[in-house]
């Protein structure tokens, strides 16, 4: 794509990066086939190619964003399926992130929308505040149908029926490895996840320590910044990210880290991009180090549970259970009989399969653990969660959720597994079977407790 930015404009590092992204686009339109909003709305401007034209015009002419441009960019899920499909390597994520920051700085939204965004940015990244908000939403949930604003209605309907107790495992501390220490890792416990589902971090800590990891919950680490970053609130998102960078850098420079483990893939995509986000700032070097160590939990587990040779069937289950593991690694007994053969419909979170390009690891781990893994049709399409998208664009989000659940239920699973808390909450509100994190099933298969969601389902 030909661009016409001035030399003065290109001195801005964000404009320079957007120019690089724009010039890589060849207008082929392959992205429209995998764009969820284009599938639902059928409008070219609600496809990546259409948004690219809108963003180019806005940035190149240095103009004030208009309502039309903002509407179409707001409808983008940032699912990044377009980046997986694109044959030209267009890094759409950096482009749309820049556009959102540009809009946030220059566009005055209607008061109700500004208020909603302000509330979300002040509540969701803070577990204590979020818990109080969930309690209020739980009380107000019976009155959701009376809400005149569909976004308020969506907020009440999304509130979980059960608010989990605070987990002591989320406090800064060190969990020693069982047996010989194989790795020292920091676990990102996140923000919203600590309020919505404490089972995930608990299962992750049990599983990693059982496999020989010393697990550190670092002092000062918290929200990754993704929620505010995708709203274009750069100052707030960078402040959250900077706290994490400093917290993990202290651990890297102290006793060292082999990895920074992230079990919420939406956070993982952002943390892996810290190097880019801070490339022109004082924390650039430390941010790059943090990004280089960031790993989705499935990446770490594949290393820890890697069999000596390619194994299948019972042989694979023996390997993951530790039958052939070196002594002292603390790997528990073989998978529990009640879990073997359970049919798991694996939902691939967009941030994992498109944002981080991790597709096979979770499925392979589940298969090795003795589960029967099935996938829905159109597994590349988003479920409609996308951070705060299901609260700000409820109609589109609901349509995508309905489609995703239909394809998942068509595989007749016993349980649905995913690697992202946002997807889990989105799907659980309409699923006919329990929805759990992949790590919970792997923890159970290697000696941990049965996932609470399965227990509650009977």
Protein backbone atom coordinates (compact mmCIF):
# COMPACT_ATOMS: atom_id res chain seq x y z
CA UNK A 1 0.00 0.00 0.00
CA UNK A 2 1.36 3.39 -0.95
CA UNK A 3 1.55 5.91 1.89
CA UNK A 4 2.26 9.64 1.94
CA UNK A 5 3.36 10.52 5.46
CA UNK A 6 5.58 13.57 5.75
CA UNK A 7 9.10 13.45 7.15
CA UNK A 8 7.85 15.33 10.19
CA UNK A 9 5.09 12.79 10.80
CA UNK A 10 7.55 9.90 10.46
CA UNK A 11 9.65 11.28 13.32
CA UNK A 12 6.90 10.02 15.62
CA UNK A 13 7.84 6.37 16.36
CA UNK A 14 4.19 5.28 16.42
CA UNK A 15 3.51 6.86 13.02
CA UNK A 16 6.71 5.32 11.69
CA UNK A 17 5.59 1.88 12.85
CA UNK A 18 2.09 2.35 11.42
CA UNK A 19 3.62 3.40 8.11
CA UNK A 20 5.61 0.15 8.02
CA UNK A 21 2.47 -1.85 8.71
CA UNK A 22 0.40 -0.01 6.11
CA UNK A 23 3.03 -0.39 3.40
CA UNK A 24 3.05 -4.17 3.93
CA UNK A 25 -0.65 -4.43 3.00
CA UNK A 26 -1.34 -5.49 -0.61
CA UNK A 27 -5.16 -5.08 -0.51
CA UNK A 28 -5.68 -8.81 -1.15
CA UNK A 29 -8.70 -9.12 1.15
CA UNK A 30 -7.79 -12.56 2.51
CA UNK A 31 -8.40 -11.12 5.97
CA UNK A 32 -12.11 -10.61 5.33
CA UNK A 33 -12.72 -14.37 5.25
CA UNK A 34 -11.54 -14.82 8.84
CA UNK A 35 -12.73 -11.55 10.39
CA UNK A 36 -15.55 -12.24 12.89
CA UNK A 37 -17.15 -8.80 12.62
CA UNK A 38 -17.19 -8.99 8.84
CA UNK A 39 -18.81 -12.42 9.11
CA UNK A 40 -21.55 -10.98 11.33
CA UNK A 41 -22.04 -7.52 9.80
CA UNK A 42 -21.00 -7.98 6.16
CA UNK A 43 -19.65 -4.42 5.96
CA UNK A 44 -16.26 -3.92 4.29
CA UNK A 45 -15.46 -1.21 6.83
CA UNK A 46 -15.92 -3.81 9.57
CA UNK A 47 -13.14 -5.93 8.09
CA UNK A 48 -9.39 -5.46 8.62
CA UNK A 49 -8.92 -4.18 5.09
CA UNK A 50 -11.67 -1.60 5.55
CA UNK A 51 -10.32 -0.48 8.90
CA UNK A 52 -6.82 -0.21 7.44
CA UNK A 53 -8.12 2.29 4.88
CA UNK A 54 -9.90 4.28 7.59
CA UNK A 55 -6.82 4.33 9.82
CA UNK A 56 -4.53 5.29 6.94
CA UNK A 57 -6.76 8.22 6.01
CA UNK A 58 -7.02 9.39 9.62
CA UNK A 59 -3.31 9.17 10.42
CA UNK A 60 -1.95 10.33 7.09
CA UNK A 61 -4.09 13.47 7.06
CA UNK A 62 -3.56 14.05 10.77
CA UNK A 63 -7.28 14.63 11.08
CA UNK A 64 -9.69 14.56 13.96
CA UNK A 65 -11.38 11.16 14.22
CA UNK A 66 -15.02 11.23 13.11
CA UNK A 67 -17.87 9.16 14.51
CA UNK A 68 -17.89 6.80 11.53
CA UNK A 69 -14.20 5.93 11.81
CA UNK A 70 -14.45 5.50 15.57
CA UNK A 71 -17.52 3.25 15.27
CA UNK A 72 -15.81 0.82 12.89
CA UNK A 73 -12.54 0.71 14.84
CA UNK A 74 -14.45 0.21 18.10
CA UNK A 75 -16.12 -2.83 16.54
CA UNK A 76 -12.74 -4.52 16.04
CA UNK A 77 -12.25 -7.37 18.52
CA UNK A 78 -8.45 -7.38 18.19
CA UNK A 79 -8.81 -11.15 17.75
CA UNK A 80 -5.90 -10.95 15.28
CA UNK A 81 -7.26 -13.71 13.04
CA UNK A 82 -6.35 -11.39 10.18
CA UNK A 83 -2.67 -11.64 11.16
CA UNK A 84 -2.81 -15.42 10.95
CA UNK A 85 -4.44 -15.25 7.53
CA UNK A 86 -2.41 -12.41 6.00
CA UNK A 87 0.10 -13.64 3.38
CA UNK A 88 2.03 -10.36 3.58
CA UNK A 89 2.73 -10.33 7.31
CA UNK A 90 0.74 -7.17 8.07
CA UNK A 91 1.10 -6.54 11.83
CA UNK A 92 -2.45 -5.30 12.28
CA UNK A 93 -2.19 -5.36 16.10
CA UNK A 94 0.31 -2.50 16.26
CA UNK A 95 -1.71 -0.50 13.73
CA UNK A 96 -5.06 -0.77 15.50
CA UNK A 97 -3.43 -0.14 18.89
CA UNK A 98 -1.99 3.10 17.53
CA UNK A 99 -5.35 4.06 16.06
CA UNK A 100 -7.09 3.53 19.40
CA UNK A 101 -4.55 5.65 21.25
CA UNK A 102 -4.92 8.37 18.58
CA UNK A 103 -8.72 8.29 18.96
CA UNK A 104 -8.55 8.36 22.76
CA UNK A 105 -6.38 11.47 22.61
CA UNK A 106 -8.39 13.38 20.00
CA UNK A 107 -12.00 12.22 20.01
CA UNK A 108 -14.66 13.23 22.51
CA UNK A 109 -17.07 10.36 22.99
CA UNK A 110 -20.69 10.81 24.14
CA UNK A 111 -20.90 11.16 27.92
CA UNK A 112 -22.48 7.70 28.63
CA UNK A 113 -19.73 5.99 26.64
CA UNK A 114 -16.99 8.01 28.34
CA UNK A 115 -18.48 7.12 31.71
CA UNK A 116 -18.62 3.40 30.89
CA UNK A 117 -15.00 3.33 29.75
CA UNK A 118 -13.91 5.27 32.82
CA UNK A 119 -15.69 2.83 35.13
CA UNK A 120 -14.27 -0.25 33.39
CA UNK A 121 -10.74 1.17 33.49
CA UNK A 122 -11.08 1.97 37.21
CA UNK A 123 -12.59 -1.38 38.24
CA UNK A 124 -11.52 -4.36 36.11
CA UNK A 125 -7.73 -4.09 36.62
CA UNK A 126 -8.15 -3.96 40.42
CA UNK A 127 -9.25 -7.28 41.97
CA UNK A 128 -10.59 -5.75 45.20
CA UNK A 129 -12.74 -3.18 43.39
CA UNK A 130 -13.80 -5.80 40.87
CA UNK A 131 -15.01 -8.12 43.62
CA UNK A 132 -17.17 -5.36 45.09
CA UNK A 133 -18.55 -4.59 41.62
CA UNK A 134 -19.33 -8.28 41.05
CA UNK A 135 -21.19 -8.41 44.34
CA UNK A 136 -23.29 -5.41 43.29
CA UNK A 137 -23.89 -6.94 39.86
CA UNK A 138 -24.93 -10.23 41.44
CA UNK A 139 -27.54 -8.39 43.51
CA UNK A 140 -28.76 -6.48 40.46
CA UNK A 141 -28.73 -9.43 38.07
CA UNK A 142 -32.47 -10.29 38.50
CA UNK A 143 -33.26 -6.79 37.22
CA UNK A 144 -31.02 -6.98 34.12
CA UNK A 145 -33.96 -7.17 31.73
CA UNK A 146 -35.17 -3.79 33.01
CA UNK A 147 -31.96 -2.00 32.04
CA UNK A 148 -32.53 0.46 29.15
CA UNK A 149 -28.88 0.40 28.04
CA UNK A 150 -27.86 -2.95 26.49
CA UNK A 151 -24.34 -2.47 27.82
CA UNK A 152 -25.53 -2.20 31.40
CA UNK A 153 -27.71 -5.25 30.81
CA UNK A 154 -24.69 -7.14 29.48
CA UNK A 155 -22.65 -6.19 32.54
CA UNK A 156 -25.30 -7.60 34.89
CA UNK A 157 -25.84 -10.76 32.84
CA UNK A 158 -22.09 -11.49 32.72
CA UNK A 159 -21.75 -11.39 36.51
CA UNK A 160 -20.98 -14.91 37.78
CA UNK A 161 -23.51 -16.56 40.06
CA UNK A 162 -20.69 -17.57 42.37
CA UNK A 163 -17.94 -15.18 43.48
CA UNK A 164 -14.96 -17.26 44.61
CA UNK A 165 -13.19 -16.61 47.91
CA UNK A 166 -9.87 -14.77 47.86
CA UNK A 167 -7.00 -17.21 47.34
CA UNK A 168 -3.97 -16.86 49.63
CA UNK A 169 -1.86 -18.14 46.73
CA UNK A 170 -2.25 -14.79 44.96
CA UNK A 171 -0.19 -12.97 47.59
CA UNK A 172 3.52 -12.35 46.87
CA UNK A 173 5.44 -15.45 47.95
CA UNK A 174 7.59 -18.34 46.76
CA UNK A 175 6.26 -21.88 46.30
CA UNK A 176 9.11 -24.42 46.46
CA UNK A 177 9.49 -27.12 43.84
CA UNK A 178 8.61 -30.67 44.80
CA UNK A 179 11.75 -32.75 44.54
CA UNK A 180 14.64 -31.54 42.42
CA UNK A 181 14.22 -27.97 41.14
CA UNK A 182 14.13 -27.91 37.36
CA UNK A 183 13.06 -24.31 36.77
CA UNK A 184 12.47 -21.09 38.67
CA UNK A 185 9.50 -19.21 37.21
CA UNK A 186 7.38 -16.19 38.03
CA UNK A 187 3.63 -16.69 37.77
CA UNK A 188 1.55 -13.76 36.62
CA UNK A 189 -1.60 -13.98 38.76
CA UNK A 190 -3.31 -11.18 36.83
CA UNK A 191 -6.18 -8.94 37.89
CA UNK A 192 -9.69 -9.90 36.74
CA UNK A 193 -8.84 -13.59 37.02
CA UNK A 194 -8.15 -13.18 40.75
CA UNK A 195 -11.72 -11.97 41.21
CA UNK A 196 -13.51 -14.24 38.74
CA UNK A 197 -11.84 -17.63 39.13
CA UNK A 198 -9.19 -18.43 41.75
CA UNK A 199 -9.11 -22.12 40.76
CA UNK A 200 -6.89 -21.37 37.75
CA UNK A 201 -3.91 -19.91 39.60
CA UNK A 202 -4.24 -22.53 42.35
CA UNK A 203 -4.13 -25.36 39.80
CA UNK A 204 -1.22 -23.74 37.95
CA UNK A 205 0.87 -23.50 41.12
CA UNK A 206 0.12 -27.11 42.10
CA UNK A 207 0.99 -28.40 38.63
CA UNK A 208 4.20 -26.40 38.19
CA UNK A 209 5.58 -27.22 41.64
CA UNK A 210 4.70 -30.90 41.12
CA UNK A 211 6.75 -30.83 37.93
CA UNK A 212 9.80 -29.35 39.63
CA UNK A 213 9.29 -25.60 39.32
CA UNK A 214 9.92 -23.08 42.04
CA UNK A 215 7.06 -20.63 41.51
CA UNK A 216 7.38 -16.97 42.46
CA UNK A 217 4.48 -14.56 42.80
CA UNK A 218 6.47 -11.34 42.57
CA UNK A 219 5.91 -8.37 44.83
CA UNK A 220 4.40 -5.48 42.86
CA UNK A 221 3.20 -7.45 39.82
CA UNK A 222 -0.44 -7.13 38.84
CA UNK A 223 -2.56 -6.20 35.82
CA UNK A 224 -0.71 -6.57 32.52
CA UNK A 225 -2.31 -3.40 31.13
CA UNK A 226 -4.20 -5.08 28.29
CA UNK A 227 -7.67 -3.90 29.33
CA UNK A 228 -6.74 -0.21 29.26
CA UNK A 229 -4.31 -0.66 26.37
CA UNK A 230 -7.12 -1.82 24.09
CA UNK A 231 -9.17 1.22 25.12
CA UNK A 232 -6.35 3.46 23.90
CA UNK A 233 -5.56 4.61 27.45
CA UNK A 234 -1.81 4.42 26.97
CA UNK A 235 -0.72 6.23 30.13
CA UNK A 236 -2.73 3.86 32.30
CA UNK A 237 -1.74 0.70 30.44
CA UNK A 238 1.95 1.63 30.47
CA UNK A 239 1.81 2.37 34.19
CA UNK A 240 0.46 -1.13 34.84
CA UNK A 241 3.00 -2.71 32.52
CA UNK A 242 5.86 -0.74 34.08
CA UNK A 243 5.01 -2.10 37.54
CA UNK A 244 5.22 -5.63 36.17
CA UNK A 245 8.49 -4.95 34.38
CA UNK A 246 10.08 -3.60 37.55
CA UNK A 247 8.72 -6.46 39.68
CA UNK A 248 9.94 -9.21 37.35
CA UNK A 249 13.25 -7.47 36.65
CA UNK A 250 13.99 -7.58 40.39
CA UNK A 251 13.47 -11.34 40.27
CA UNK A 252 15.55 -11.74 37.10
CA UNK A 253 18.42 -9.77 38.63
CA UNK A 254 17.99 -11.50 41.99
CA UNK A 255 17.70 -15.28 42.05
CA UNK A 256 16.94 -15.39 38.33
CA UNK A 257 13.98 -16.60 36.27
CA UNK A 258 13.75 -19.26 33.59
CA UNK A 259 10.33 -18.02 32.48
CA UNK A 260 7.47 -15.69 33.30
CA UNK A 261 4.46 -17.99 33.17
CA UNK A 262 1.11 -16.56 32.07
CA UNK A 263 -2.10 -18.60 32.21
CA UNK A 264 -4.38 -15.96 30.70
CA UNK A 265 -3.54 -15.77 27.01
CA UNK A 266 -4.92 -12.24 26.57
CA UNK A 267 -2.35 -11.08 29.10
CA UNK A 268 0.35 -13.18 27.46
CA UNK A 269 -0.07 -11.48 24.10
CA UNK A 270 0.38 -8.09 25.76
CA UNK A 271 3.34 -9.04 27.96
CA UNK A 272 5.12 -10.53 24.96
CA UNK A 273 4.69 -7.13 23.30
CA UNK A 274 6.17 -5.10 26.18
CA UNK A 275 9.42 -4.81 24.24
CA UNK A 276 7.59 -2.97 21.48
CA UNK A 277 5.43 -0.92 23.81
CA UNK A 278 8.45 0.43 25.71
CA UNK A 279 10.91 0.55 22.80
CA UNK A 280 11.43 4.34 23.12
CA UNK A 281 11.24 4.58 26.91
CA UNK A 282 13.72 4.27 29.77
CA UNK A 283 12.48 0.76 30.55
CA UNK A 284 13.16 -0.45 27.00
CA UNK A 285 15.93 -2.91 27.91
CA UNK A 286 14.11 -4.38 30.90
CA UNK A 287 10.85 -4.57 28.93
CA UNK A 288 12.61 -6.51 26.19
CA UNK A 289 14.05 -8.93 28.77
CA UNK A 290 10.61 -9.49 30.28
CA UNK A 291 9.05 -10.10 26.86
CA UNK A 292 11.76 -12.60 25.98
CA UNK A 293 10.97 -14.63 29.13
CA UNK A 294 7.17 -14.47 28.84
CA UNK A 295 5.63 -17.89 28.16
CA UNK A 296 2.11 -19.18 28.00
CA UNK A 297 1.74 -21.91 30.58
CA UNK A 298 1.28 -24.49 27.81
CA UNK A 299 4.72 -23.62 26.40
CA UNK A 300 6.34 -24.34 29.75
CA UNK A 301 4.35 -27.52 30.33
CA UNK A 302 5.34 -28.92 26.94
CA UNK A 303 8.99 -28.51 27.98
CA UNK A 304 8.45 -30.03 31.42
CA UNK A 305 6.36 -32.92 30.15
CA UNK A 306 8.23 -33.55 26.91
CA UNK A 307 8.59 -37.33 26.46
CA UNK A 308 11.94 -38.73 25.38
CA UNK A 309 10.34 -39.78 22.10
CA UNK A 310 7.07 -39.22 20.29
CA UNK A 311 4.53 -41.29 22.17
CA UNK A 312 0.92 -42.13 21.61
CA UNK A 313 -1.93 -43.79 23.45
CA UNK A 314 -1.14 -45.40 26.80
CA UNK A 315 2.57 -44.76 26.30
CA UNK A 316 1.91 -41.01 26.12
CA UNK A 317 -0.21 -41.14 29.29
CA UNK A 318 2.61 -42.95 31.06
CA UNK A 319 5.06 -40.23 30.03
CA UNK A 320 2.92 -37.34 31.23
CA UNK A 321 2.18 -39.18 34.48
CA UNK A 322 5.86 -39.52 35.24
CA UNK A 323 6.32 -43.26 34.72
CA UNK A 324 9.45 -42.62 32.69
CA UNK A 325 10.43 -39.37 34.41
CA UNK A 326 13.76 -38.98 36.17
CA UNK A 327 13.60 -39.68 39.93
CA UNK A 328 12.97 -36.71 42.18
CA UNK A 329 10.96 -34.65 39.71
CA UNK A 330 7.89 -34.94 41.88
CA UNK A 331 5.57 -36.03 39.07
CA UNK A 332 2.47 -37.66 40.53
CA UNK A 333 0.64 -40.89 39.81
CA UNK A 334 -1.04 -41.74 36.47
CA UNK A 335 -4.21 -39.92 35.42
CA UNK A 336 -7.28 -40.75 37.44
CA UNK A 337 -9.50 -43.37 35.75
CA UNK A 338 -12.55 -41.11 35.95
CA UNK A 339 -10.77 -38.47 33.85
CA UNK A 340 -9.44 -40.77 31.17
CA UNK A 341 -11.54 -40.77 28.05
CA UNK A 342 -13.44 -37.63 29.04
CA UNK A 343 -14.33 -35.75 25.85
CA UNK A 344 -12.89 -32.24 25.98
CA UNK A 345 -13.96 -29.65 23.43
CA UNK A 346 -10.94 -27.38 23.15
CA UNK A 347 -11.72 -23.72 22.52
CA UNK A 348 -8.70 -21.95 21.07
CA UNK A 349 -8.56 -18.42 22.49
CA UNK A 350 -7.77 -15.88 19.78
CA UNK A 351 -5.01 -14.33 21.87
CA UNK A 352 -3.34 -17.74 22.03
CA UNK A 353 -3.80 -19.08 18.50
CA UNK A 354 -3.52 -15.75 16.64
CA UNK A 355 -1.78 -13.41 19.07
CA UNK A 356 0.90 -15.87 20.22
CA UNK A 357 0.71 -18.44 17.39
CA UNK A 358 0.28 -21.29 19.90
CA UNK A 359 -2.12 -23.85 18.49
CA UNK A 360 -0.93 -27.40 19.16
CA UNK A 361 0.49 -27.33 22.70
CA UNK A 362 -2.77 -27.32 24.75
CA UNK A 363 -4.36 -30.02 22.61
CA UNK A 364 -1.27 -32.20 22.70
CA UNK A 365 -1.00 -31.89 26.49
CA UNK A 366 -4.66 -32.83 26.96
CA UNK A 367 -4.30 -35.84 24.67
CA UNK A 368 -1.19 -37.03 26.49
CA UNK A 369 -3.12 -36.73 29.77
CA UNK A 370 -5.67 -39.25 28.52
CA UNK A 371 -8.49 -36.94 27.43
CA UNK A 372 -10.31 -37.25 24.11
CA UNK A 373 -9.89 -33.85 22.46
CA UNK A 374 -12.32 -32.48 19.88
CA UNK A 375 -12.45 -29.08 18.19
CA UNK A 376 -15.41 -27.06 16.94
CA UNK A 377 -15.96 -26.03 13.35
CA UNK A 378 -14.50 -22.62 12.51
CA UNK A 379 -12.20 -22.82 15.52
CA UNK A 380 -10.32 -19.77 14.22
CA UNK A 381 -13.30 -17.48 14.87
CA UNK A 382 -13.64 -15.44 18.07
CA UNK A 383 -16.15 -16.25 20.83
CA UNK A 384 -16.90 -12.54 21.27
CA UNK A 385 -15.26 -11.97 24.65
CA UNK A 386 -12.17 -9.95 23.69
CA UNK A 387 -11.45 -8.24 27.00
CA UNK A 388 -14.15 -5.62 27.52
CA UNK A 389 -15.68 -6.11 24.07
CA UNK A 390 -18.62 -8.15 25.38
CA UNK A 391 -19.50 -5.22 27.64
CA UNK A 392 -19.04 -2.44 25.09
CA UNK A 393 -20.35 -4.22 21.97
CA UNK A 394 -22.90 -6.64 23.49
CA UNK A 395 -24.97 -7.30 20.35
CA UNK A 396 -22.03 -8.41 18.19
CA UNK A 397 -20.50 -10.27 21.11
CA UNK A 398 -23.72 -12.19 21.76
CA UNK A 399 -23.98 -13.24 18.12
CA UNK A 400 -20.41 -14.54 18.16
CA UNK A 401 -20.98 -16.38 21.44
CA UNK A 402 -24.11 -18.06 20.07
CA UNK A 403 -22.22 -19.24 17.01
CA UNK A 404 -19.26 -20.49 19.03
CA UNK A 405 -21.38 -22.39 21.55
CA UNK A 406 -23.36 -24.04 18.76
CA UNK A 407 -20.16 -25.38 17.17
CA UNK A 408 -18.81 -26.53 20.54
CA UNK A 409 -22.03 -28.28 21.56
CA UNK A 410 -22.16 -29.99 18.17
CA UNK A 411 -19.11 -32.03 19.23
CA UNK A 412 -21.05 -33.42 22.23
CA UNK A 413 -18.31 -32.79 24.81
CA UNK A 414 -18.27 -33.59 28.52
CA UNK A 415 -16.40 -30.37 29.23
CA UNK A 416 -15.10 -27.29 27.39
CA UNK A 417 -11.47 -26.24 27.98
CA UNK A 418 -9.88 -22.89 27.21
CA UNK A 419 -6.74 -20.99 28.15
CA UNK A 420 -8.17 -17.53 28.77
CA UNK A 421 -10.44 -16.33 31.57
CA UNK A 422 -12.37 -13.95 29.28
CA UNK A 423 -13.32 -16.78 26.93
CA UNK A 424 -14.25 -18.98 29.87
CA UNK A 425 -16.63 -16.38 31.33
CA UNK A 426 -18.13 -15.68 27.91
CA UNK A 427 -18.82 -19.34 27.15
CA UNK A 428 -19.88 -20.38 30.67
CA UNK A 429 -22.85 -18.01 30.56
CA UNK A 430 -24.50 -20.20 27.93
CA UNK A 431 -22.67 -23.52 27.88
CA UNK A 432 -24.50 -26.80 28.47
CA UNK A 433 -21.39 -28.38 30.03
CA UNK A 434 -18.74 -27.12 32.48
CA UNK A 435 -16.09 -24.72 31.20
CA UNK A 436 -12.63 -25.09 32.76
CA UNK A 437 -9.08 -23.96 32.15
CA UNK A 438 -6.77 -26.40 30.38
CA UNK A 439 -4.42 -26.26 33.37
CA UNK A 440 -7.17 -27.48 35.72
CA UNK A 441 -7.59 -30.66 33.66
CA UNK A 442 -3.82 -31.24 33.49
CA UNK A 443 -3.49 -30.70 37.23
CA UNK A 444 -6.26 -33.25 37.83
CA UNK A 445 -4.68 -35.74 35.43
CA UNK A 446 -1.34 -35.60 37.25
CA UNK A 447 -2.59 -35.99 40.81
CA UNK A 448 -4.43 -32.78 41.64
CA UNK A 449 -8.07 -32.39 42.68
CA UNK A 450 -10.97 -32.64 40.29
CA UNK A 451 -11.76 -29.18 38.83
CA UNK A 452 -14.39 -27.49 41.03
CA UNK A 453 -16.51 -26.68 37.97
CA UNK A 454 -16.80 -30.42 37.26
CA UNK A 455 -17.66 -31.13 40.88
CA UNK A 456 -20.41 -28.51 40.85
CA UNK A 457 -21.80 -30.00 37.66
CA UNK A 458 -22.06 -33.40 39.36
